[in-house]
Each structure stands twice: as C-alpha cells, then as structure tokens.
N, C-alpha and C. Protein backbone atom coordinates (compact mmCIF):
# COMPACT_ATOMS: atom_id res chain seq x y z
N UNK A 1 -1.15 15.04 11.25
CA UNK A 1 -0.42 14.76 12.79
C UNK A 1 -0.74 12.82 12.56
N UNK A 2 0.23 11.77 13.14
CA UNK A 2 -0.51 10.41 12.77
C UNK A 2 0.47 10.02 14.12
N UNK A 3 -0.60 9.92 15.25
CA UNK A 3 -0.82 9.17 16.36
C UNK A 3 -0.60 7.07 16.22
N UNK A 4 0.30 6.51 17.04
CA UNK A 4 0.09 5.45 16.78
C UNK A 4 -0.21 4.94 18.03
N UNK A 5 -0.81 3.51 17.58
CA UNK A 5 -0.64 2.59 19.42
C UNK A 5 -1.11 1.04 18.54
N UNK A 6 -0.94 0.47 19.51
CA UNK A 6 -0.54 -1.27 19.01
C UNK A 6 -2.43 -1.73 19.10
N UNK A 7 -2.58 -2.44 18.54
CA UNK A 7 -3.17 -3.30 18.42
C UNK A 7 -3.38 -4.86 18.10
N UNK A 8 -3.67 -5.60 18.78
CA UNK A 8 -3.59 -7.15 18.39
C UNK A 8 -3.82 -7.39 17.23
N UNK A 9 -3.59 -8.71 17.17
CA UNK A 9 -3.28 -9.81 16.36
C UNK A 9 -2.29 -10.27 16.22
N UNK A 10 -2.59 -11.51 16.18
CA UNK A 10 -1.39 -12.94 15.99
C UNK A 10 -0.90 -12.82 15.22
N UNK A 11 0.12 -13.34 14.69
CA UNK A 11 1.41 -13.84 13.30
C UNK A 11 2.42 -12.70 13.19
N UNK A 12 1.83 -11.48 13.71
CA UNK A 12 3.33 -10.57 12.92
C UNK A 12 2.50 -9.20 14.18
N UNK A 13 3.75 -8.32 14.23
CA UNK A 13 3.33 -6.83 15.07
C UNK A 13 2.24 -6.20 13.81
N UNK A 14 1.08 -5.33 14.62
CA UNK A 14 0.29 -4.94 13.95
C UNK A 14 0.29 -3.41 14.41
N UNK A 15 -0.48 -2.26 13.34
CA UNK A 15 -0.46 -1.17 14.07
C UNK A 15 -1.42 -0.66 13.70
N UNK A 16 -1.58 0.27 14.26
CA UNK A 16 -2.95 1.17 14.31
C UNK A 16 -2.78 2.79 14.11
N UNK A 17 -2.72 4.51 13.22
CA UNK A 17 -2.76 5.11 13.96
C UNK A 17 -3.58 5.91 13.82
N UNK A 18 -4.15 7.32 13.92
CA UNK A 18 -5.26 8.39 13.72
C UNK A 18 -4.50 9.32 12.78
N UNK A 19 -4.73 9.65 11.93
CA UNK A 19 -4.28 10.99 10.84
C UNK A 19 -5.17 11.98 10.93
N UNK A 20 -5.33 12.93 10.53
CA UNK A 20 -5.77 14.42 10.51
C UNK A 20 -7.43 14.57 11.74
N UNK A 21 -6.95 13.49 12.83
CA UNK A 21 -7.61 13.28 13.84
C UNK A 21 -8.98 12.42 13.55
N UNK A 22 -9.42 12.60 11.80
CA UNK A 22 -10.85 11.57 11.59
C UNK A 22 -10.35 10.40 11.02
N UNK A 23 -8.89 10.07 10.29
CA UNK A 23 -8.77 8.90 9.29
C UNK A 23 -7.91 7.75 10.87
N UNK A 24 -8.67 6.51 10.27
CA UNK A 24 -7.89 5.00 11.12
C UNK A 24 -6.97 4.17 10.46
N UNK A 25 -5.55 4.10 10.30
CA UNK A 25 -5.33 3.71 9.42
C UNK A 25 -4.12 2.42 10.59
N UNK A 26 -4.87 1.19 9.50
CA UNK A 26 -4.11 -0.09 10.40
C UNK A 26 -4.27 -1.02 9.79
N UNK A 27 -2.77 -1.87 9.53
CA UNK A 27 -2.85 -3.13 8.30
C UNK A 27 -2.95 -4.13 8.83
N UNK A 28 -4.69 -4.10 9.69
CA UNK A 28 -5.50 -5.40 10.13
C UNK A 28 -6.45 -6.14 8.56
N UNK A 29 -5.47 -7.16 8.26
CA UNK A 29 -6.04 -7.67 7.05
C UNK A 29 -7.92 -7.95 7.52
N UNK A 30 -8.05 -8.62 8.21
CA UNK A 30 -9.36 -8.20 8.30
C UNK A 30 -10.72 -7.68 8.35
N UNK A 31 -9.91 -6.42 8.20
CA UNK A 31 -10.19 -4.76 7.79
C UNK A 31 -10.58 -4.79 6.15
N UNK A 32 -9.77 -5.00 5.42
CA UNK A 32 -10.07 -4.46 3.93
C UNK A 32 -11.66 -4.90 3.43
N UNK A 33 -11.86 -4.40 2.35
CA UNK A 33 -13.15 -4.33 1.87
C UNK A 33 -12.95 -5.18 0.15
N UNK A 34 -12.72 -6.33 0.57
CA UNK A 34 -11.99 -6.65 -1.29
C UNK A 34 -12.79 -6.30 -2.33
N UNK A 35 -14.24 -6.01 -1.87
CA UNK A 35 -15.25 -4.98 -3.48
C UNK A 35 -14.89 -3.84 -3.68
N UNK A 36 -15.01 -3.36 -2.75
CA UNK A 36 -14.67 -1.70 -2.76
C UNK A 36 -13.19 -1.66 -3.48
N UNK A 37 -12.37 -3.01 -3.17
CA UNK A 37 -10.54 -2.79 -3.15
C UNK A 37 -10.99 -3.10 -4.99
N UNK A 38 -11.53 -4.22 -5.85
CA UNK A 38 -12.22 -4.42 -6.53
C UNK A 38 -12.56 -2.83 -7.22
N UNK A 39 -13.33 -2.64 -6.99
CA UNK A 39 -14.08 -1.51 -8.02
C UNK A 39 -12.78 -0.27 -8.64
N UNK A 40 -11.88 -0.38 -7.26
CA UNK A 40 -10.85 0.76 -7.44
C UNK A 40 -10.16 0.46 -8.38
N UNK A 41 -9.54 -0.90 -7.85
CA UNK A 41 -8.38 -1.08 -8.74
C UNK A 41 -8.27 -1.71 -10.29
N UNK A 42 -9.59 -2.33 -10.52
CA UNK A 42 -10.05 -2.44 -11.76
C UNK A 42 -9.79 -1.49 -13.09
N UNK A 43 -10.36 -0.47 -11.59
CA UNK A 43 -9.80 1.04 -12.87
C UNK A 43 -8.79 1.44 -13.09
N UNK A 44 -8.24 1.05 -11.92
CA UNK A 44 -6.27 1.95 -11.98
C UNK A 44 -5.47 1.23 -12.78
N UNK A 45 -4.68 2.37 -13.86
CA UNK A 45 -4.89 1.65 -15.44
C UNK A 45 -3.09 1.33 -14.38
N UNK A 46 -2.76 0.21 -13.85
CA UNK A 46 -2.12 -0.72 -13.63
C UNK A 46 -2.37 -1.61 -13.44
N UNK A 47 -4.00 -2.03 -13.55
CA UNK A 47 -4.13 -3.16 -12.84
C UNK A 47 -6.08 -2.94 -13.61
N UNK A 48 -5.81 -2.61 -14.83
CA UNK A 48 -7.15 -2.60 -15.47
C UNK A 48 -7.88 -3.55 -15.48
N UNK A 49 -9.13 -3.95 -15.11
CA UNK A 49 -10.17 -5.15 -15.39
C UNK A 49 -10.02 -6.78 -14.24
N UNK A 50 -8.95 -6.15 -13.17
CA UNK A 50 -8.26 -6.87 -12.40
C UNK A 50 -9.31 -7.84 -11.13
N UNK A 51 -9.83 -8.99 -10.99
CA UNK A 51 -10.34 -9.22 -10.85
C UNK A 51 -10.47 -9.42 -8.89
N UNK A 52 -11.63 -9.90 -8.07
CA UNK A 52 -11.70 -9.64 -6.77
C UNK A 52 -10.85 -11.03 -6.32
N UNK A 53 -11.04 -12.02 -6.78
CA UNK A 53 -9.77 -13.39 -6.28
C UNK A 53 -8.40 -13.20 -6.92
N UNK A 54 -7.76 -12.93 -7.52
CA UNK A 54 -6.78 -11.90 -7.56
C UNK A 54 -6.10 -11.11 -6.80
N UNK A 55 -6.94 -9.73 -6.58
CA UNK A 55 -6.69 -8.80 -5.59
C UNK A 55 -6.57 -9.60 -4.57
N UNK A 56 -7.38 -10.72 -3.88
CA UNK A 56 -7.61 -11.46 -2.61
C UNK A 56 -6.26 -12.05 -2.60
N UNK A 57 -5.24 -13.21 -3.38
CA UNK A 57 -4.44 -14.07 -3.63
C UNK A 57 -3.50 -13.41 -3.38
N UNK A 58 -3.28 -11.92 -3.95
CA UNK A 58 -2.21 -10.84 -3.95
C UNK A 58 -2.00 -10.39 -2.50
N UNK A 59 -2.97 -9.63 -2.29
CA UNK A 59 -3.44 -9.63 -0.66
C UNK A 59 -2.59 -10.54 0.54
N UNK A 60 -3.63 -11.66 0.61
CA UNK A 60 -2.66 -12.76 1.43
C UNK A 60 -1.21 -12.95 1.20
N UNK A 61 -0.93 -12.99 -0.43
CA UNK A 61 0.57 -13.02 -0.43
C UNK A 61 1.77 -12.07 -0.15
N UNK A 62 1.00 -10.92 0.08
CA UNK A 62 1.98 -9.62 0.57
C UNK A 62 2.18 -9.65 2.11
N UNK A 63 3.20 -8.85 2.14
CA UNK A 63 3.96 -8.73 3.58
C UNK A 63 3.21 -8.02 4.38
N UNK A 64 2.25 -6.74 3.61
CA UNK A 64 1.77 -6.58 4.58
C UNK A 64 0.60 -5.35 3.67
N UNK A 65 -0.63 -5.71 4.15
CA UNK A 65 -1.14 -4.58 3.95
C UNK A 65 -2.26 -3.48 4.45
N UNK A 66 -2.86 -2.66 4.62
CA UNK A 66 -2.41 -1.41 4.83
C UNK A 66 -3.67 -0.41 4.91
N UNK A 67 -4.57 -0.44 5.68
CA UNK A 67 -6.01 0.62 5.11
C UNK A 67 -6.18 1.65 5.77
N UNK A 68 -6.97 2.59 5.36
CA UNK A 68 -6.92 4.44 5.73
C UNK A 68 -9.15 3.88 5.90
N UNK A 69 -9.30 4.45 6.91
CA UNK A 69 -10.97 4.58 6.86
C UNK A 69 -11.49 5.01 7.99
N UNK A 70 -12.62 5.50 7.49
CA UNK A 70 -12.98 7.02 8.21
C UNK A 70 -14.00 6.76 8.57
N UNK A 71 -14.74 6.63 10.01
CA UNK A 71 -15.88 6.01 10.87
C UNK A 71 -15.12 4.25 10.16
N UNK A 72 -16.17 3.54 9.39
CA UNK A 72 -15.55 2.30 9.22
C UNK A 72 -15.62 2.15 8.10
N UNK A 73 -15.47 2.91 6.92
CA UNK A 73 -15.79 3.00 5.61
C UNK A 73 -14.18 2.83 4.91
N UNK A 74 -13.31 2.19 4.54
CA UNK A 74 -12.47 2.45 3.72
C UNK A 74 -12.13 2.81 2.96
N UNK A 75 -11.51 4.14 3.12
CA UNK A 75 -11.32 4.90 2.29
C UNK A 75 -9.58 4.79 0.94
N UNK A 76 -8.71 4.12 1.84
CA UNK A 76 -7.47 4.40 0.68
C UNK A 76 -6.77 2.87 1.15
N UNK A 77 -6.10 2.10 0.87
CA UNK A 77 -5.27 1.41 0.31
C UNK A 77 -3.90 0.78 0.13
N UNK A 78 -2.66 0.09 0.70
CA UNK A 78 -1.55 -0.46 -0.42
C UNK A 78 -1.45 -1.31 0.49
N UNK A 79 -0.10 -1.69 -0.07
CA UNK A 79 0.50 -3.97 0.24
C UNK A 79 1.84 -3.65 -0.14
N UNK A 80 2.47 -3.88 0.61
CA UNK A 80 4.04 -4.17 0.21
C UNK A 80 4.24 -5.76 0.38
N UNK A 81 4.93 -5.90 -0.63
CA UNK A 81 6.21 -7.37 -0.48
C UNK A 81 7.12 -6.89 -0.26
N UNK A 82 7.89 -7.80 0.47
CA UNK A 82 9.23 -7.51 1.20
C UNK A 82 10.10 -8.67 1.89
N UNK A 83 10.92 -8.87 1.96
CA UNK A 83 11.84 -9.88 2.81
C UNK A 83 11.95 -9.38 4.30
N UNK A 84 11.22 -8.09 4.69
CA UNK A 84 11.15 -7.60 5.52
C UNK A 84 12.91 -7.41 6.46
N UNK A 85 13.82 -7.71 5.14
CA UNK A 85 15.48 -7.70 5.84
C UNK A 85 16.36 -6.42 5.23
N UNK A 86 15.78 -6.07 3.51
CA UNK A 86 16.22 -5.23 2.75
C UNK A 86 15.32 -4.86 1.40
N UNK A 87 14.37 -5.61 1.81
CA UNK A 87 13.95 -5.04 0.28
C UNK A 87 12.27 -5.19 0.43
N UNK A 88 12.14 -3.90 -0.30
CA UNK A 88 10.45 -3.83 -0.07
C UNK A 88 10.29 -3.03 -0.79
N UNK A 89 8.40 -3.60 -1.79
CA UNK A 89 7.64 -2.78 -3.30
C UNK A 89 6.65 -2.32 -2.47
N UNK A 90 6.06 -1.70 -3.14
CA UNK A 90 4.36 -0.45 -2.73
C UNK A 90 4.11 -0.62 -3.94
N UNK A 91 2.96 -1.71 -3.51
CA UNK A 91 2.08 -1.80 -4.89
C UNK A 91 0.95 -1.57 -4.25
N UNK A 92 -0.20 -0.82 -5.41
CA UNK A 92 -1.91 -0.73 -5.40
C UNK A 92 -2.01 0.11 -4.43
N UNK A 93 -1.36 1.24 -4.76
CA UNK A 93 -1.83 2.33 -3.04
C UNK A 93 -2.96 3.09 -4.47
N UNK A 94 -4.11 3.11 -3.57
CA UNK A 94 -4.85 3.86 -3.80
C UNK A 94 -5.18 4.65 -3.00
N UNK A 95 -6.11 5.38 -3.03
CA UNK A 95 -6.68 6.84 -2.32
C UNK A 95 -8.02 6.93 -2.86
N UNK A 96 -9.12 6.76 -2.17
CA UNK A 96 -10.89 7.13 -3.08
C UNK A 96 -10.70 8.56 -3.59
N UNK A 97 -11.11 8.89 -4.54
CA UNK A 97 -11.05 9.77 -5.04
C UNK A 97 -11.69 11.48 -4.19
N UNK A 98 -12.86 11.57 -3.10
CA UNK A 98 -12.95 11.75 -2.41
C UNK A 98 -12.22 11.93 -1.31
N UNK A 99 -10.97 11.44 -1.00
CA UNK A 99 -10.16 11.65 -0.02
C UNK A 99 -8.81 11.72 -0.25
N UNK A 100 -8.46 12.57 -1.46
CA UNK A 100 -7.30 12.72 -2.06
C UNK A 100 -6.40 13.96 -2.03
N UNK A 101 -5.72 14.58 -2.28
CA UNK A 101 -5.26 15.48 -1.40
C UNK A 101 -4.79 16.05 -0.61
N UNK A 102 -4.64 14.77 0.80
CA UNK A 102 -4.92 15.49 2.34
C UNK A 102 -4.18 14.92 2.80
N UNK A 103 -3.22 13.68 2.18
CA UNK A 103 -1.80 13.19 2.36
C UNK A 103 -1.89 11.82 2.97
N UNK A 104 -3.26 11.28 2.57
CA UNK A 104 -3.64 10.10 2.81
C UNK A 104 -2.49 8.87 1.96
N UNK A 105 -2.24 8.33 1.17
CA UNK A 105 -1.35 8.11 0.48
C UNK A 105 0.34 8.09 1.52
N UNK A 106 0.17 8.98 1.39
CA UNK A 106 1.76 9.77 2.51
C UNK A 106 1.55 8.46 4.07
N UNK A 107 0.40 9.07 4.62
CA UNK A 107 0.53 8.53 5.59
C UNK A 107 0.78 6.75 5.79
N UNK A 108 -0.27 6.26 4.55
CA UNK A 108 0.08 4.71 4.60
C UNK A 108 1.41 4.46 4.04
N UNK A 109 2.37 5.31 3.48
CA UNK A 109 3.46 4.81 3.29
C UNK A 109 4.10 4.74 4.11
N UNK A 110 4.15 6.14 5.62
CA UNK A 110 4.04 6.30 6.85
C UNK A 110 4.79 5.53 7.59
N UNK A 111 3.24 5.04 7.70
CA UNK A 111 2.73 3.84 8.18
C UNK A 111 3.46 2.48 8.68
N UNK A 112 3.87 2.04 7.06
CA UNK A 112 4.76 1.07 6.80
C UNK A 112 6.25 1.25 7.38
N UNK A 113 6.84 2.52 7.42
CA UNK A 113 8.28 2.99 7.10
C UNK A 113 8.28 2.69 8.81
N UNK A 114 7.31 3.04 10.04
CA UNK A 114 7.45 3.57 10.67
C UNK A 114 7.25 1.60 11.49
N UNK A 115 6.28 0.71 11.12
CA UNK A 115 6.69 -0.66 11.48
C UNK A 115 7.34 -1.62 11.83
N UNK A 116 7.38 -2.10 13.14
CA UNK A 116 8.76 -2.51 13.50
C UNK A 116 8.77 -3.77 12.52
N UNK A 117 8.25 -4.36 11.65
CA UNK A 117 8.61 -5.47 10.46
C UNK A 117 9.27 -5.02 9.99
N UNK A 118 9.04 -3.85 9.42
CA UNK A 118 9.76 -3.45 8.19
C UNK A 118 11.09 -2.84 9.00
N UNK A 119 11.44 -2.23 10.34
CA UNK A 119 12.87 -1.48 10.53
C UNK A 119 13.76 -2.17 9.69
N UNK A 120 14.71 -3.17 9.54
CA UNK A 120 15.58 -3.28 8.85
C UNK A 120 15.84 -3.18 7.14
N UNK A 121 14.58 -3.02 6.96
CA UNK A 121 14.38 -2.25 5.40
C UNK A 121 15.27 -1.56 4.68
N UNK A 122 16.16 -1.39 3.58
CA UNK A 122 17.19 -0.06 3.32
C UNK A 122 16.83 0.13 2.04
N UNK A 123 16.30 -0.51 1.25
CA UNK A 123 16.05 -0.05 0.09
C UNK A 123 14.40 -0.48 -0.36
N UNK A 124 14.00 0.85 -0.85
CA UNK A 124 12.21 0.86 -1.35
C UNK A 124 11.79 1.02 -2.46
N UNK A 125 11.22 0.13 -3.20
CA UNK A 125 10.54 0.42 -4.37
C UNK A 125 9.16 0.84 -5.00
N UNK A 126 8.99 1.75 -5.52
CA UNK A 126 7.70 1.40 -6.18
C UNK A 126 8.11 2.08 -6.97
N UNK A 127 6.28 2.23 -7.92
CA UNK A 127 6.47 2.81 -9.86
C UNK A 127 4.73 3.21 -9.68
N UNK A 128 5.72 4.30 -10.83
CA UNK A 128 3.95 5.10 -10.86
C UNK A 128 3.79 6.06 -11.57
N UNK A 129 3.14 5.90 -12.31
CA UNK A 129 3.44 7.23 -13.72
C UNK A 129 2.66 8.71 -13.56
N UNK A 130 1.76 8.89 -12.18
CA UNK A 130 1.91 10.34 -12.15
C UNK A 130 1.60 11.20 -10.72
N UNK A 131 2.48 10.00 -9.69
CA UNK A 131 2.72 10.31 -8.56
C UNK A 131 3.70 10.96 -8.04
N UNK A 132 4.45 10.82 -8.50
CA UNK A 132 5.99 11.53 -8.43
C UNK A 132 6.08 12.53 -7.53
N UNK A 133 5.44 13.80 -7.95
CA UNK A 133 5.80 14.84 -6.51
C UNK A 133 5.61 14.38 -4.84
N UNK A 134 4.77 13.88 -5.08
CA UNK A 134 3.42 12.84 -3.86
C UNK A 134 5.33 11.80 -3.45
N UNK A 135 5.21 11.34 -3.65
CA UNK A 135 6.46 10.19 -3.35
C UNK A 135 7.70 10.96 -3.38
N UNK A 136 8.10 11.85 -3.92
CA UNK A 136 9.55 12.62 -3.70
C UNK A 136 9.65 12.90 -2.47
N UNK A 137 8.22 13.79 -2.22
CA UNK A 137 8.07 14.05 -0.70
C UNK A 137 8.83 13.03 0.55
N UNK A 138 8.31 11.87 0.55
CA UNK A 138 8.73 11.20 1.15
C UNK A 138 10.34 10.92 1.09
N UNK A 139 11.34 10.88 -0.03
CA UNK A 139 12.45 10.72 0.02
C UNK A 139 12.47 9.91 -1.17
N UNK A 140 12.52 9.12 -2.22
CA UNK A 140 11.80 8.21 -3.21
C UNK A 140 13.09 9.49 -4.12
N UNK A 141 13.07 9.14 -4.97
CA UNK A 141 13.93 9.18 -6.17
C UNK A 141 14.32 7.91 -7.64
N UNK A 142 14.10 8.73 -8.71
CA UNK A 142 14.11 8.00 -9.94
C UNK A 142 15.77 6.76 -9.07
N UNK A 143 15.57 5.85 -9.87
CA UNK A 143 16.36 5.10 -9.83
C UNK A 143 17.59 5.20 -10.32
N UNK A 144 18.83 4.96 -9.48
CA UNK A 144 20.02 5.24 -9.89
C UNK A 144 20.74 5.08 -11.48
N UNK A 145 20.53 3.79 -11.38
CA UNK A 145 21.18 3.00 -12.47
C UNK A 145 20.38 2.03 -13.10
N UNK A 146 19.71 2.66 -14.12
CA UNK A 146 18.01 1.88 -13.92
C UNK A 146 18.81 0.52 -15.39
N UNK A 147 19.69 0.89 -15.67
CA UNK A 147 20.27 -0.01 -16.85
C UNK A 147 20.84 -1.45 -16.10
N UNK A 148 20.98 -1.47 -14.52
CA UNK A 148 20.78 -2.32 -14.20
C UNK A 148 19.79 -3.59 -13.30
N UNK A 149 18.59 -2.62 -13.33
CA UNK A 149 17.34 -3.57 -13.28
C UNK A 149 16.86 -3.79 -14.70
N UNK A 150 16.46 -5.46 -14.58
CA UNK A 150 15.59 -5.64 -15.69
C UNK A 150 14.67 -6.84 -15.31
N UNK A 151 12.97 -6.51 -16.08
CA UNK A 151 11.99 -7.00 -16.00
C UNK A 151 12.03 -8.33 -17.12
N UNK A 152 10.84 -8.85 -16.25
CA UNK A 152 10.18 -9.87 -17.26
C UNK A 152 8.76 -10.01 -17.42
N UNK A 153 7.94 -9.68 -18.32
CA UNK A 153 6.91 -8.83 -18.27
C UNK A 153 5.98 -10.24 -19.47
N UNK A 154 5.19 -10.38 -18.69
CA UNK A 154 4.61 -11.86 -19.27
C UNK A 154 2.98 -11.48 -19.56
N UNK A 155 2.42 -10.01 -18.89
CA UNK A 155 1.68 -9.89 -18.90
C UNK A 155 0.70 -10.98 -18.02
N UNK A 156 -0.59 -9.82 -17.67
CA UNK A 156 -1.22 -10.39 -16.83
C UNK A 156 -2.55 -11.58 -17.64
N UNK A 157 -2.82 -12.58 -17.09
CA UNK A 157 -3.46 -14.06 -16.89
C UNK A 157 -4.84 -13.46 -16.78
N UNK A 158 -5.53 -13.79 -18.34
CA UNK A 158 -6.89 -13.38 -18.31
C UNK A 158 -7.94 -14.14 -16.98
N UNK A 159 -8.06 -13.76 -16.70
CA UNK A 159 -9.01 -14.51 -15.52
C UNK A 159 -10.61 -14.28 -15.30
N UNK A 160 -10.96 -13.43 -16.79
CA UNK A 160 -12.07 -13.89 -16.67
C UNK A 160 -13.29 -14.94 -17.31
C-alpha cells in the first residue's frame, strides 16, 4: 500500500509516499545518492560504464527523479523525461538487488503516475530487455505500430 503526503520543495510540486510501511518514496532531487547511482547504472545493460557526471547531467535535465529509501539509504531510482502534457519516457529504473521482488519499481512508477505535474500525460513510454511482466501489470504493452517509430543512435560518447 502506498500512502501519499505533500513535501515542500520550491519550483515544482513534490510528493512523498510510504510503501510497505518501511520504504519512503519521494522526488526530492537533493536526496539522490549519485555515488550509489553510478555504481548501479554503470553495471546495468543499458548504461555500461556510465560516469557520475553523465548521470548527474541526465538527472538535472529530467522532468522528475524519484528515489526509494529504507531509513536514509537509497534503494531504488528512476527518472522521467517529459513535456508534462502529452508524453513521458521512463529511464534508469533501478532497484537494488537486495530490495527486488517487492514491487518497488511499480511503486516508483505509480508515484509518477499520481504526481500532479504529470496529470495530463497520456502517452507513457519505456524500454526494457527483461522486465516486461512487471511493466505489463502497470498497463504497458508493446508498441502498436513500431514501424511508425524511428531512432537515431549515435552511441555513447566516451567520457573517460
């Protein structure tokens, strides 16, 4: 069960929630542990070797970042790029190995779905190689017309 409450932050609406009576979920950028996030994401299949500077820049330029915490320790993260009107794209959804299979990824996504800043968004997108069942439970499905979508992939710049 998720219980929502308001948190103070200037510049945009911020929310915090309690999940399973032990995890705190919020979108307070100042709480993000970028050192831990770099350890997680640099080993994730979609961002092998990513550096802290690139992660921080991506987070700063995101529409929202969401973390989950047990006590004061960050245990999960996601970010969203969006116009907050029609379209939103979930990126870097990551749950620490010790906290998986409890519904945290779904709780973080639901946090964004319930956030007042995203109430008008009607097209949500994400990419996954191995978590389709998790996202299907939230209503995600394969693209109806993948032939309509196009991509330019220039590869990641070597920032080492």
